[in-house]
Amino acid sequence: MRTIIALIIISLLSIQYAYSQVNSATLQAVFLYQSIKYLEWPSDELANFEILVVGEGEIYQELLKIAKSRKVGNRSIVVKQVKSIASAPLCHIVIFTESAQAESLIISVSAKPILLVTNVEGMLEKGSDLNFIKKGDKLSYQLNASALQSKKIKVSSSFSAMAEKII
């Protein structure tokens, strides 16, 4: 009996250790993919589900891994990366790895159905639609419900309910 309890404790500690080794970019990429189920964009003419990563960051590689084996509805996922951006792109999601670039683009996409994703405290109030925040080991998110509504991106109530902050 002691052997079984010891094996269970060792297994639980191994799982906890493995979980703690998952980096933030992996968690954000998986979370972003999973959150797409709770969001509904207005109809568009894009053949694929397009995600643009602006700036350098590990999230690009993590999203590429997901895109190889997953789809959004019947659409393939296409992930692109650019170092900077000057005007509103034709895509579904723009992920900013640096807040300065996000601030300059927020106004130009405010009326377009593009989900703007950031990961810097305070960006939600500046116009980001979905902002990841990390507190200790916990990754959570904030939603800008009014911005999403004006873009005609529908958000499920269950997804909104899990947000740490909604404005």
Foldseek 3Di string as FASTA:
>chain_A
DVVVVVVVVVVVVVVVVVVLPDDPLLVVLVVVVVQLVQKDADDDDDQAAEEEEEADDPNQVNNVVCQVPDGDVPHGYDYYYDPADQADDPHAEYEYADVVRVLNHQVRCLQANHQYEYADPPVLVSRHAKYWYDDPSDIFIEGAVVSNVNNVMDGHPVNNVRHPYYD
